[in-house]
Amino acid sequence: MIYSLDFLAAIFAMATGFATAWVGLEIVRLAGWREPETTETPLHPLRIGIEMVLAAVLGPRLLLVNGFKNWRAGQVSLPLYALLALVAVGWSMCSGVIVLQVAFASGYFLA
């Protein structure tokens, strides 16, 4: 049996993941984020960790926006863009579940 609440929970988690990616990207842009530059010196492990977390959080939005721009430019076919959109939706569901679990664990939703 399929419950409609399961679909609603999945849509809520997906929306939370996309909202987190959007808000995170705007905060990072306001903080002055620039494209990474190649350097000869090894990077500090803390910087690598921060960039990995940023990529994990901001990934769904960047994947959708860049895929759409490339599709409009004719560099990506429509079936490939549909696959990119499905990957972004799944990715945002995973990050949305993590954000919701952190919010529940922190007591944010307690009355």
N, C-alpha and C. Protein backbone atom coordinates (compact mmCIF):
# COMPACT_ATOMS: atom_id res chain seq x y z
N MET A 1 0.83 -1.17 0.00
CA MET A 1 0.00 0.00 0.00
C MET A 1 0.89 1.24 0.00
N ILE A 2 0.50 2.22 -0.75
CA ILE A 2 1.26 3.46 -0.85
C ILE A 2 0.53 4.54 -0.06
N TYR A 3 1.26 5.17 0.83
CA TYR A 3 0.68 6.23 1.64
C TYR A 3 1.06 7.59 1.06
N SER A 4 0.11 8.49 1.03
CA SER A 4 0.38 9.81 0.48
C SER A 4 1.31 10.61 1.40
N LEU A 5 1.33 10.29 2.69
CA LEU A 5 2.22 11.01 3.59
C LEU A 5 3.69 10.72 3.28
N ASP A 6 3.98 9.53 2.75
CA ASP A 6 5.35 9.24 2.35
C ASP A 6 5.79 10.14 1.20
N PHE A 7 4.90 10.36 0.25
CA PHE A 7 5.22 11.26 -0.85
C PHE A 7 5.39 12.69 -0.35
N LEU A 8 4.53 13.10 0.56
CA LEU A 8 4.64 14.45 1.11
C LEU A 8 5.93 14.63 1.89
N ALA A 9 6.33 13.62 2.63
CA ALA A 9 7.60 13.71 3.37
C ALA A 9 8.78 13.79 2.42
N ALA A 10 8.74 13.04 1.32
CA ALA A 10 9.82 13.09 0.33
C ALA A 10 9.87 14.46 -0.35
N ILE A 11 8.72 15.01 -0.67
CA ILE A 11 8.68 16.34 -1.30
C ILE A 11 9.17 17.40 -0.31
N PHE A 12 8.79 17.27 0.95
CA PHE A 12 9.24 18.20 1.98
C PHE A 12 10.76 18.12 2.15
N ALA A 13 11.31 16.92 2.16
CA ALA A 13 12.76 16.76 2.28
C ALA A 13 13.47 17.33 1.06
N MET A 14 12.90 17.12 -0.14
CA MET A 14 13.50 17.67 -1.35
C MET A 14 13.48 19.20 -1.32
N ALA A 15 12.35 19.77 -0.92
CA ALA A 15 12.25 21.23 -0.86
C ALA A 15 13.21 21.80 0.19
N THR A 16 13.36 21.09 1.29
CA THR A 16 14.30 21.53 2.32
C THR A 16 15.74 21.49 1.80
N GLY A 17 16.08 20.45 1.04
CA GLY A 17 17.43 20.36 0.47
C GLY A 17 17.70 21.46 -0.53
N PHE A 18 16.73 21.74 -1.42
CA PHE A 18 16.93 22.82 -2.39
C PHE A 18 16.98 24.17 -1.69
N ALA A 19 16.16 24.38 -0.67
CA ALA A 19 16.18 25.65 0.06
C ALA A 19 17.51 25.83 0.79
N THR A 20 18.02 24.76 1.36
CA THR A 20 19.32 24.83 2.03
C THR A 20 20.43 25.16 1.04
N ALA A 21 20.38 24.55 -0.14
CA ALA A 21 21.39 24.84 -1.17
C ALA A 21 21.30 26.29 -1.62
N TRP A 22 20.09 26.81 -1.80
CA TRP A 22 19.91 28.18 -2.25
C TRP A 22 20.40 29.17 -1.19
N VAL A 23 19.98 28.97 0.06
CA VAL A 23 20.39 29.87 1.14
C VAL A 23 21.89 29.77 1.36
N GLY A 24 22.42 28.56 1.34
CA GLY A 24 23.87 28.40 1.49
C GLY A 24 24.66 29.09 0.40
N LEU A 25 24.19 28.98 -0.83
CA LEU A 25 24.90 29.63 -1.93
C LEU A 25 24.84 31.15 -1.80
N GLU A 26 23.71 31.69 -1.39
CA GLU A 26 23.62 33.15 -1.22
C GLU A 26 24.51 33.63 -0.08
N ILE A 27 24.59 32.87 1.00
CA ILE A 27 25.48 33.26 2.11
C ILE A 27 26.93 33.22 1.68
N VAL A 28 27.30 32.18 0.94
CA VAL A 28 28.69 32.06 0.49
C VAL A 28 29.02 33.18 -0.50
N ARG A 29 28.09 33.53 -1.38
CA ARG A 29 28.34 34.63 -2.31
C ARG A 29 28.47 35.96 -1.58
N LEU A 30 27.62 36.18 -0.57
CA LEU A 30 27.73 37.41 0.21
C LEU A 30 29.04 37.48 0.98
N ALA A 31 29.57 36.33 1.37
CA ALA A 31 30.84 36.29 2.09
C ALA A 31 32.03 36.50 1.17
N GLY A 32 31.81 36.56 -0.14
CA GLY A 32 32.89 36.85 -1.07
C GLY A 32 33.53 35.64 -1.70
N TRP A 33 32.77 34.57 -1.89
CA TRP A 33 33.33 33.35 -2.49
C TRP A 33 33.71 33.60 -3.94
N ARG A 34 34.85 33.12 -4.32
CA ARG A 34 35.32 33.20 -5.70
C ARG A 34 35.66 31.79 -6.18
N GLU A 35 35.81 31.67 -7.48
CA GLU A 35 36.20 30.39 -8.06
C GLU A 35 37.58 30.00 -7.53
N PRO A 36 37.78 28.73 -7.22
CA PRO A 36 39.09 28.32 -6.69
C PRO A 36 40.18 28.47 -7.75
N GLU A 37 41.33 28.88 -7.28
CA GLU A 37 42.49 29.05 -8.15
C GLU A 37 43.46 27.90 -7.92
N THR A 38 44.16 27.52 -8.98
CA THR A 38 45.16 26.48 -8.84
C THR A 38 46.42 27.06 -8.21
N THR A 39 46.96 26.35 -7.25
CA THR A 39 48.17 26.79 -6.57
C THR A 39 49.19 25.66 -6.57
N GLU A 40 50.43 26.04 -6.44
CA GLU A 40 51.51 25.06 -6.38
C GLU A 40 51.68 24.51 -4.97
N THR A 41 51.28 25.28 -3.97
CA THR A 41 51.45 24.83 -2.59
C THR A 41 50.28 23.92 -2.20
N PRO A 42 50.55 22.97 -1.31
CA PRO A 42 49.45 22.10 -0.87
C PRO A 42 48.44 22.88 -0.02
N LEU A 43 47.19 22.50 -0.15
CA LEU A 43 46.13 23.19 0.59
C LEU A 43 46.05 22.67 2.01
N HIS A 44 45.58 23.53 2.88
CA HIS A 44 45.40 23.16 4.29
C HIS A 44 44.22 22.19 4.40
N PRO A 45 44.32 21.19 5.25
CA PRO A 45 43.22 20.22 5.37
C PRO A 45 41.88 20.85 5.79
N LEU A 46 41.93 21.92 6.58
CA LEU A 46 40.69 22.59 6.98
C LEU A 46 40.00 23.20 5.77
N ARG A 47 40.78 23.82 4.89
CA ARG A 47 40.19 24.42 3.68
C ARG A 47 39.58 23.34 2.78
N ILE A 48 40.25 22.23 2.65
CA ILE A 48 39.72 21.12 1.85
C ILE A 48 38.41 20.63 2.45
N GLY A 49 38.35 20.51 3.78
CA GLY A 49 37.12 20.08 4.43
C GLY A 49 35.98 21.07 4.24
N ILE A 50 36.28 22.36 4.34
CA ILE A 50 35.25 23.38 4.14
C ILE A 50 34.73 23.34 2.71
N GLU A 51 35.63 23.19 1.75
CA GLU A 51 35.20 23.14 0.35
C GLU A 51 34.38 21.87 0.06
N MET A 52 34.70 20.76 0.72
CA MET A 52 33.92 19.54 0.54
C MET A 52 32.50 19.70 1.10
N VAL A 53 32.39 20.33 2.27
CA VAL A 53 31.07 20.57 2.86
C VAL A 53 30.26 21.51 1.98
N LEU A 54 30.90 22.57 1.48
CA LEU A 54 30.20 23.49 0.58
C LEU A 54 29.72 22.78 -0.68
N ALA A 55 30.55 21.93 -1.24
CA ALA A 55 30.15 21.19 -2.44
C ALA A 55 28.99 20.25 -2.15
N ALA A 56 28.99 19.64 -0.97
CA ALA A 56 27.91 18.72 -0.61
C ALA A 56 26.60 19.45 -0.40
N VAL A 57 26.65 20.66 0.16
CA VAL A 57 25.43 21.40 0.44
C VAL A 57 24.92 22.13 -0.80
N LEU A 58 25.82 22.74 -1.55
CA LEU A 58 25.42 23.58 -2.68
C LEU A 58 25.27 22.81 -3.99
N GLY A 59 25.63 21.56 -4.00
CA GLY A 59 25.64 20.77 -5.21
C GLY A 59 24.35 20.70 -6.01
N PRO A 60 23.20 20.44 -5.37
CA PRO A 60 21.97 20.31 -6.17
C PRO A 60 21.61 21.57 -6.97
N ARG A 61 21.75 22.72 -6.35
CA ARG A 61 21.41 23.95 -7.06
C ARG A 61 22.40 24.22 -8.18
N LEU A 62 23.67 24.03 -7.91
CA LEU A 62 24.67 24.25 -8.95
C LEU A 62 24.49 23.29 -10.11
N LEU A 63 24.14 22.06 -9.80
CA LEU A 63 23.91 21.07 -10.85
C LEU A 63 22.73 21.44 -11.72
N LEU A 64 21.63 21.87 -11.12
CA LEU A 64 20.46 22.27 -11.89
C LEU A 64 20.71 23.52 -12.71
N VAL A 65 21.29 24.54 -12.11
CA VAL A 65 21.49 25.82 -12.81
C VAL A 65 22.49 25.67 -13.94
N ASN A 66 23.62 25.03 -13.68
CA ASN A 66 24.62 24.86 -14.74
C ASN A 66 24.13 23.92 -15.83
N GLY A 67 23.39 22.89 -15.45
CA GLY A 67 22.81 21.99 -16.45
C GLY A 67 21.81 22.71 -17.34
N PHE A 68 21.00 23.59 -16.74
CA PHE A 68 20.02 24.34 -17.52
C PHE A 68 20.71 25.30 -18.49
N LYS A 69 21.76 25.98 -18.00
CA LYS A 69 22.51 26.90 -18.88
C LYS A 69 23.14 26.13 -20.05
N ASN A 70 23.71 24.98 -19.76
CA ASN A 70 24.32 24.18 -20.83
C ASN A 70 23.28 23.60 -21.77
N TRP A 71 22.10 23.25 -21.26
CA TRP A 71 21.03 22.76 -22.13
C TRP A 71 20.54 23.87 -23.05
N ARG A 72 20.39 25.08 -22.51
CA ARG A 72 19.95 26.20 -23.33
C ARG A 72 20.99 26.56 -24.39
N ALA A 73 22.26 26.36 -24.08
CA ALA A 73 23.33 26.65 -25.03
C ALA A 73 23.52 25.54 -26.05
N GLY A 74 22.84 24.41 -25.85
CA GLY A 74 22.95 23.30 -26.78
C GLY A 74 24.10 22.36 -26.51
N GLN A 75 24.74 22.48 -25.36
CA GLN A 75 25.88 21.63 -25.04
C GLN A 75 25.45 20.33 -24.36
N VAL A 76 24.22 20.30 -23.84
CA VAL A 76 23.70 19.13 -23.15
C VAL A 76 22.36 18.78 -23.78
N SER A 77 22.14 17.50 -24.07
CA SER A 77 20.86 17.08 -24.65
C SER A 77 19.77 17.06 -23.57
N LEU A 78 18.53 17.04 -24.01
CA LEU A 78 17.41 17.04 -23.08
C LEU A 78 17.37 15.79 -22.20
N PRO A 79 17.61 14.57 -22.73
CA PRO A 79 17.63 13.40 -21.83
C PRO A 79 18.74 13.48 -20.77
N LEU A 80 19.89 14.04 -21.16
CA LEU A 80 20.97 14.18 -20.18
C LEU A 80 20.61 15.22 -19.13
N TYR A 81 19.94 16.29 -19.54
CA TYR A 81 19.50 17.29 -18.55
C TYR A 81 18.44 16.70 -17.62
N ALA A 82 17.56 15.86 -18.15
CA ALA A 82 16.57 15.20 -17.30
C ALA A 82 17.27 14.29 -16.27
N LEU A 83 18.32 13.61 -16.69
CA LEU A 83 19.08 12.79 -15.77
C LEU A 83 19.77 13.65 -14.71
N LEU A 84 20.32 14.80 -15.14
CA LEU A 84 20.93 15.73 -14.18
C LEU A 84 19.90 16.21 -13.17
N ALA A 85 18.69 16.50 -13.63
CA ALA A 85 17.63 16.96 -12.73
C ALA A 85 17.26 15.86 -11.74
N LEU A 86 17.20 14.62 -12.19
CA LEU A 86 16.89 13.51 -11.28
C LEU A 86 17.99 13.33 -10.23
N VAL A 87 19.24 13.47 -10.64
CA VAL A 87 20.35 13.37 -9.68
C VAL A 87 20.28 14.52 -8.68
N ALA A 88 19.97 15.72 -9.16
CA ALA A 88 19.85 16.87 -8.26
C ALA A 88 18.70 16.70 -7.28
N VAL A 89 17.59 16.13 -7.73
CA VAL A 89 16.45 15.89 -6.84
C VAL A 89 16.83 14.87 -5.77
N GLY A 90 17.47 13.79 -6.16
CA GLY A 90 17.90 12.80 -5.18
C GLY A 90 18.92 13.35 -4.20
N TRP A 91 19.84 14.15 -4.71
CA TRP A 91 20.86 14.77 -3.87
C TRP A 91 20.22 15.72 -2.87
N SER A 92 19.24 16.51 -3.34
CA SER A 92 18.59 17.46 -2.44
C SER A 92 17.73 16.73 -1.40
N MET A 93 17.17 15.58 -1.77
CA MET A 93 16.43 14.79 -0.77
C MET A 93 17.37 14.31 0.33
N CYS A 94 18.54 13.83 -0.05
CA CYS A 94 19.50 13.36 0.95
C CYS A 94 19.96 14.49 1.86
N SER A 95 20.30 15.64 1.28
CA SER A 95 20.73 16.76 2.12
C SER A 95 19.57 17.33 2.91
N GLY A 96 18.35 17.29 2.37
CA GLY A 96 17.18 17.75 3.11
C GLY A 96 16.90 16.88 4.32
N VAL A 97 17.06 15.57 4.17
CA VAL A 97 16.86 14.66 5.30
C VAL A 97 17.89 14.96 6.40
N ILE A 98 19.12 15.21 6.01
CA ILE A 98 20.16 15.54 6.99
C ILE A 98 19.83 16.84 7.72
N VAL A 99 19.42 17.86 6.97
CA VAL A 99 19.08 19.15 7.59
C VAL A 99 17.89 18.99 8.52
N LEU A 100 16.87 18.25 8.11
CA LEU A 100 15.71 18.04 8.96
C LEU A 100 16.07 17.26 10.22
N GLN A 101 16.94 16.25 10.10
CA GLN A 101 17.36 15.49 11.27
C GLN A 101 18.14 16.36 12.25
N VAL A 102 18.99 17.23 11.72
CA VAL A 102 19.74 18.15 12.60
C VAL A 102 18.77 19.11 13.28
N ALA A 103 17.77 19.59 12.54
CA ALA A 103 16.79 20.50 13.14
C ALA A 103 15.97 19.80 14.22
N PHE A 104 15.57 18.56 13.98
CA PHE A 104 14.82 17.82 15.00
C PHE A 104 15.71 17.53 16.21
N ALA A 105 16.95 17.16 15.97
CA ALA A 105 17.85 16.83 17.08
C ALA A 105 18.18 18.05 17.92
N SER A 106 18.23 19.22 17.30
CA SER A 106 18.56 20.43 18.05
C SER A 106 17.38 20.96 18.85
N GLY A 107 16.20 20.42 18.62
CA GLY A 107 15.02 20.88 19.33
C GLY A 107 14.35 22.07 18.68
N TYR A 108 14.67 22.34 17.43
CA TYR A 108 14.11 23.50 16.74
C TYR A 108 12.60 23.38 16.59
N PHE A 109 12.09 22.16 16.39
CA PHE A 109 10.66 21.98 16.14
C PHE A 109 9.86 21.71 17.42
N LEU A 110 10.50 21.81 18.58
CA LEU A 110 9.77 21.60 19.82
C LEU A 110 8.92 22.83 20.14
N ALA A 111 7.74 22.58 20.66
CA ALA A 111 6.85 23.71 20.98
C ALA A 111 7.11 24.22 22.36
